[in-house]
Amino acid sequence: MNNEINFQNNPLHGVSLKSLLTEIINHYGFEILYAYLNINCFKTNPNIDSSLKFLKKTDWAREKVEVFYLYEFKNLPRASSEQFSLPPRERIIPEGQTPGEPKALSLEDVERLREKRASKIAARNPRDRHRSVESIDPWANYKSKSKR
């Protein structure tokens, strides 16, 4: 009985990855998805079949798309910290919260978002203040240590 309630309160239950992807691509397009999610399958050879193939193989990318679907496209309120620790397909939406209209997103908004992310990175690591988000390589230390 409890599982039935959980499925009813999960907007991703019964939604295939292909239909989810088709919905958001038809609404936003590949350019906006790449700009917001920074997943190369939306930039290099952007089509539903190749993106679907990549997302099925790559858990982190699929979860990123599912989170985008829930909180940007379905415009649901952000998950509680308890729910946030769960994968998107296991999250439960509290009763009374229903999906809304998709958020209006633009490439100009992406620039503001990137600047905000860059300032957060700079606040955490002052030596990176002069760098952009794209130029910061999170694996740089790992690469240099593995060459030793």
C-alpha atoms as a PDB file:
ATOM      1  CA  MET A   1       0.000   0.000   0.000  1.00  0.00           C
ATOM      2  CA  ASN A   2       2.771   2.414   0.932  1.00  0.00           C
ATOM      3  CA  ASN A   3       4.584   1.751  -2.384  1.00  0.00           C
ATOM      4  CA  GLU A   4       1.433   2.689  -4.324  1.00  0.00           C
ATOM      5  CA  ILE A   5       1.325   6.049  -2.561  1.00  0.00           C
ATOM      6  CA  ASN A   6       5.037   6.561  -3.277  1.00  0.00           C
ATOM      7  CA  PHE A   7       4.521   5.895  -6.983  1.00  0.00           C
ATOM      8  CA  GLN A   8       1.565   8.283  -7.109  1.00  0.00           C
ATOM      9  CA  ASN A   9       3.709  11.040  -5.603  1.00  0.00           C
ATOM     10  CA  ASN A  10       6.600  10.529  -7.992  1.00  0.00           C
ATOM     11  CA  PRO A  11       6.244  12.520 -11.244  1.00  0.00           C
ATOM     12  CA  LEU A  12       8.864  10.335 -12.961  1.00  0.00           C
ATOM     13  CA  HIS A  13       7.003   7.088 -12.291  1.00  0.00           C
ATOM     14  CA  GLY A  14       5.845   5.627 -15.600  1.00  0.00           C
ATOM     15  CA  VAL A  15       7.674   8.270 -17.665  1.00  0.00           C
ATOM     16  CA  SER A  16      10.241   6.753 -19.999  1.00  0.00           C
ATOM     17  CA  LEU A  17      13.549   8.491 -20.533  1.00  0.00           C
ATOM     18  CA  LYS A  18      12.703   8.867 -24.218  1.00  0.00           C
ATOM     19  CA  SER A  19       9.382  10.631 -23.577  1.00  0.00           C
ATOM     20  CA  LEU A  20      10.964  12.834 -20.887  1.00  0.00           C
ATOM     21  CA  LEU A  21      13.793  13.795 -23.244  1.00  0.00           C
ATOM     22  CA  THR A  22      11.430  14.398 -26.164  1.00  0.00           C
ATOM     23  CA  GLU A  23       9.253  16.673 -24.018  1.00  0.00           C
ATOM     24  CA  ILE A  24      12.073  18.895 -22.833  1.00  0.00           C
ATOM     25  CA  ILE A  25      13.799  19.021 -26.231  1.00  0.00           C
ATOM     26  CA  ASN A  26      10.551  19.994 -27.958  1.00  0.00           C
ATOM     27  CA  HIS A  27      10.034  22.752 -25.405  1.00  0.00           C
ATOM     28  CA  TYR A  28      13.573  24.102 -24.894  1.00  0.00           C
ATOM     29  CA  GLY A  29      15.717  22.739 -27.730  1.00  0.00           C
ATOM     30  CA  PHE A  30      19.221  21.292 -27.659  1.00  0.00           C
ATOM     31  CA  GLU A  31      21.003  24.643 -27.330  1.00  0.00           C
ATOM     32  CA  ILE A  32      19.272  25.557 -24.059  1.00  0.00           C
ATOM     33  CA  LEU A  33      19.749  22.035 -22.673  1.00  0.00           C
ATOM     34  CA  TYR A  34      23.468  22.139 -23.431  1.00  0.00           C
ATOM     35  CA  ALA A  35      23.781  25.613 -21.951  1.00  0.00           C
ATOM     36  CA  TYR A  36      22.052  24.654 -18.692  1.00  0.00           C
ATOM     37  CA  LEU A  37      23.266  21.093 -18.243  1.00  0.00           C
ATOM     38  CA  ASN A  38      26.672  21.213 -19.973  1.00  0.00           C
ATOM     39  CA  ILE A  39      26.317  17.664 -21.321  1.00  0.00           C
ATOM     40  CA  ASN A  40      28.063  17.215 -24.670  1.00  0.00           C
ATOM     41  CA  CYS A  41      25.418  14.907 -26.144  1.00  0.00           C
ATOM     42  CA  PHE A  42      23.251  18.020 -26.523  1.00  0.00           C
ATOM     43  CA  LYS A  43      25.988  19.862 -28.429  1.00  0.00           C
ATOM     44  CA  THR A  44      27.813  17.199 -30.447  1.00  0.00           C
ATOM     45  CA  ASN A  45      25.482  15.465 -32.903  1.00  0.00           C
ATOM     46  CA  PRO A  46      22.331  16.718 -31.149  1.00  0.00           C
ATOM     47  CA  ASN A  47      19.502  14.287 -31.800  1.00  0.00           C
ATOM     48  CA  ILE A  48      17.193  12.345 -29.554  1.00  0.00           C
ATOM     49  CA  ASP A  49      18.530   8.886 -30.414  1.00  0.00           C
ATOM     50  CA  SER A  50      22.207   9.656 -29.746  1.00  0.00           C
ATOM     51  CA  SER A  51      21.350  11.619 -26.591  1.00  0.00           C
ATOM     52  CA  LEU A  52      19.149   8.772 -25.370  1.00  0.00           C
ATOM     53  CA  LYS A  53      21.919   6.241 -26.016  1.00  0.00           C
ATOM     54  CA  PHE A  54      24.388   8.318 -23.987  1.00  0.00           C
ATOM     55  CA  LEU A  55      21.958   9.011 -21.136  1.00  0.00           C
ATOM     56  CA  LYS A  56      21.056   5.331 -20.776  1.00  0.00           C
ATOM     57  CA  LYS A  57      24.748   4.473 -20.297  1.00  0.00           C
ATOM     58  CA  THR A  58      25.648   7.394 -18.039  1.00  0.00           C
ATOM     59  CA  ASP A  59      23.915   7.550 -14.653  1.00  0.00           C
ATOM     60  CA  TRP A  60      25.173  11.004 -13.616  1.00  0.00           C
ATOM     61  CA  ALA A  61      24.001  12.578 -16.890  1.00  0.00           C
ATOM     62  CA  ARG A  62      20.613  10.857 -16.774  1.00  0.00           C
ATOM     63  CA  GLU A  63      20.067  12.042 -13.192  1.00  0.00           C
ATOM     64  CA  LYS A  64      21.056  15.571 -14.189  1.00  0.00           C
ATOM     65  CA  VAL A  65      18.440  15.524 -16.996  1.00  0.00           C
ATOM     66  CA  GLU A  66      15.800  14.073 -14.663  1.00  0.00           C
ATOM     67  CA  VAL A  67      16.474  16.788 -12.063  1.00  0.00           C
ATOM     68  CA  PHE A  68      16.188  19.411 -14.820  1.00  0.00           C
ATOM     69  CA  TYR A  69      12.882  17.841 -15.886  1.00  0.00           C
ATOM     70  CA  LEU A  70      11.483  17.910 -12.341  1.00  0.00           C
ATOM     71  CA  TYR A  71      12.594  21.339 -11.196  1.00  0.00           C
ATOM     72  CA  GLU A  72      12.859  23.397 -14.391  1.00  0.00           C
ATOM     73  CA  PHE A  73      10.398  21.794 -16.814  1.00  0.00           C
ATOM     74  CA  LYS A  74       7.775  20.604 -14.312  1.00  0.00           C
ATOM     75  CA  ASN A  75       8.582  23.583 -12.089  1.00  0.00           C
ATOM     76  CA  LEU A  76       8.260  21.659  -8.833  1.00  0.00           C
ATOM     77  CA  PRO A  77       9.561  23.158  -5.572  1.00  0.00           C
ATOM     78  CA  ARG A  78      13.080  22.049  -4.675  1.00  0.00           C
ATOM     79  CA  ALA A  79      13.381  18.766  -2.797  1.00  0.00           C
ATOM     80  CA  SER A  80      14.026  18.633   0.926  1.00  0.00           C
ATOM     81  CA  SER A  81      17.557  17.719   1.959  1.00  0.00           C
ATOM     82  CA  GLU A  82      16.325  14.217   2.821  1.00  0.00           C
ATOM     83  CA  GLN A  83      14.761  13.743  -0.624  1.00  0.00           C
ATOM     84  CA  PHE A  84      17.667  15.473  -2.390  1.00  0.00           C
ATOM     85  CA  SER A  85      20.011  12.684  -1.316  1.00  0.00           C
ATOM     86  CA  LEU A  86      17.882  10.181  -3.282  1.00  0.00           C
ATOM     87  CA  PRO A  87      18.118   9.656  -7.059  1.00  0.00           C
ATOM     88  CA  PRO A  88      15.401  11.630  -8.921  1.00  0.00           C
ATOM     89  CA  ARG A  89      13.349   8.526  -9.770  1.00  0.00           C
ATOM     90  CA  GLU A  90      13.070   7.651  -6.068  1.00  0.00           C
ATOM     91  CA  ARG A  91      12.080  11.105  -4.802  1.00  0.00           C
ATOM     92  CA  ILE A  92       8.620  11.659  -3.422  1.00  0.00           C
ATOM     93  CA  ILE A  93       6.787  14.919  -3.998  1.00  0.00           C
ATOM     94  CA  PRO A  94       4.735  15.978  -0.948  1.00  0.00           C
ATOM     95  CA  GLU A  95       0.972  15.864  -1.331  1.00  0.00           C
ATOM     96  CA  GLY A  96      -0.551  19.080  -2.548  1.00  0.00           C
ATOM     97  CA  GLN A  97       2.415  19.960  -4.760  1.00  0.00           C
ATOM     98  CA  THR A  98       1.608  19.612  -8.417  1.00  0.00           C
ATOM     99  CA  PRO A  99       3.700  20.236 -11.515  1.00  0.00           C
ATOM    100  CA  GLY A 100       3.409  23.718 -12.956  1.00  0.00           C
ATOM    101  CA  GLU A 101       4.188  25.352 -16.254  1.00  0.00           C
ATOM    102  CA  PRO A 102       7.757  24.997 -17.581  1.00  0.00           C
ATOM    103  CA  LYS A 103      10.091  27.818 -16.576  1.00  0.00           C
ATOM    104  CA  ALA A 104      10.993  30.317 -19.257  1.00  0.00           C
ATOM    105  CA  LEU A 105      14.718  29.828 -19.845  1.00  0.00           C
ATOM    106  CA  SER A 106      17.024  31.785 -22.112  1.00  0.00           C
ATOM    107  CA  LEU A 107      20.670  31.887 -23.068  1.00  0.00           C
ATOM    108  CA  GLU A 108      21.002  35.228 -21.231  1.00  0.00           C
ATOM    109  CA  ASP A 109      19.916  33.480 -18.029  1.00  0.00           C
ATOM    110  CA  VAL A 110      22.664  30.918 -18.583  1.00  0.00           C
ATOM    111  CA  GLU A 111      25.294  33.652 -18.590  1.00  0.00           C
ATOM    112  CA  ARG A 112      24.036  34.966 -15.244  1.00  0.00           C
ATOM    113  CA  LEU A 113      24.017  31.417 -13.881  1.00  0.00           C
ATOM    114  CA  ARG A 114      27.622  30.846 -15.038  1.00  0.00           C
ATOM    115  CA  GLU A 115      28.741  34.094 -13.435  1.00  0.00           C
ATOM    116  CA  LYS A 116      27.054  33.068 -10.188  1.00  0.00           C
ATOM    117  CA  ARG A 117      28.771  29.657 -10.281  1.00  0.00           C
ATOM    118  CA  ALA A 118      32.130  31.296 -11.043  1.00  0.00           C
ATOM    119  CA  SER A 119      31.761  33.639  -8.060  1.00  0.00           C
ATOM    120  CA  LYS A 120      30.944  30.665  -5.791  1.00  0.00           C
ATOM    121  CA  ILE A 121      34.040  28.857  -7.031  1.00  0.00           C
ATOM    122  CA  ALA A 122      36.135  31.976  -6.517  1.00  0.00           C
ATOM    123  CA  ALA A 123      34.803  32.345  -2.981  1.00  0.00           C
ATOM    124  CA  ARG A 124      35.839  28.780  -2.200  1.00  0.00           C
ATOM    125  CA  ASN A 125      39.258  29.058  -3.823  1.00  0.00           C
ATOM    126  CA  PRO A 126      40.647  32.612  -4.074  1.00  0.00           C
ATOM    127  CA  ARG A 127      43.485  31.658  -6.429  1.00  0.00           C
ATOM    128  CA  ASP A 128      40.875  30.757  -9.109  1.00  0.00           C
ATOM    129  CA  ARG A 129      39.193  34.210  -9.133  1.00  0.00           C
ATOM    130  CA  HIS A 130      40.618  35.095 -12.543  1.00  0.00           C
ATOM    131  CA  ARG A 131      39.431  31.869 -14.215  1.00  0.00           C
ATOM    132  CA  SER A 132      36.084  31.136 -15.826  1.00  0.00           C
ATOM    133  CA  VAL A 133      33.993  28.097 -14.908  1.00  0.00           C
ATOM    134  CA  GLU A 134      34.969  26.325 -18.148  1.00  0.00           C
ATOM    135  CA  SER A 135      38.699  26.813 -17.592  1.00  0.00           C
ATOM    136  CA  ILE A 136      38.711  25.194 -14.163  1.00  0.00           C
ATOM    137  CA  ASP A 137      39.569  21.523 -14.493  1.00  0.00           C
ATOM    138  CA  PRO A 138      38.388  19.582 -11.424  1.00  0.00           C
ATOM    139  CA  TRP A 139      40.607  16.651 -12.412  1.00  0.00           C
ATOM    140  CA  ALA A 140      43.795  18.720 -12.797  1.00  0.00           C
ATOM    141  CA  ASN A 141      45.216  17.710  -9.410  1.00  0.00           C
ATOM    142  CA  TYR A 142      44.392  14.083 -10.071  1.00  0.00           C
ATOM    143  CA  LYS A 143      46.147  14.172 -13.465  1.00  0.00           C
ATOM    144  CA  SER A 144      49.286  15.785 -12.075  1.00  0.00           C
ATOM    145  CA  LYS A 145      49.456  13.359  -9.133  1.00  0.00           C
ATOM    146  CA  SER A 146      49.032  10.312 -11.363  1.00  0.00           C
ATOM    147  CA  LYS A 147      51.991  11.354 -13.575  1.00  0.00           C
ATOM    148  CA  ARG A 148      54.394  11.310 -10.610  1.00  0.00           C
END
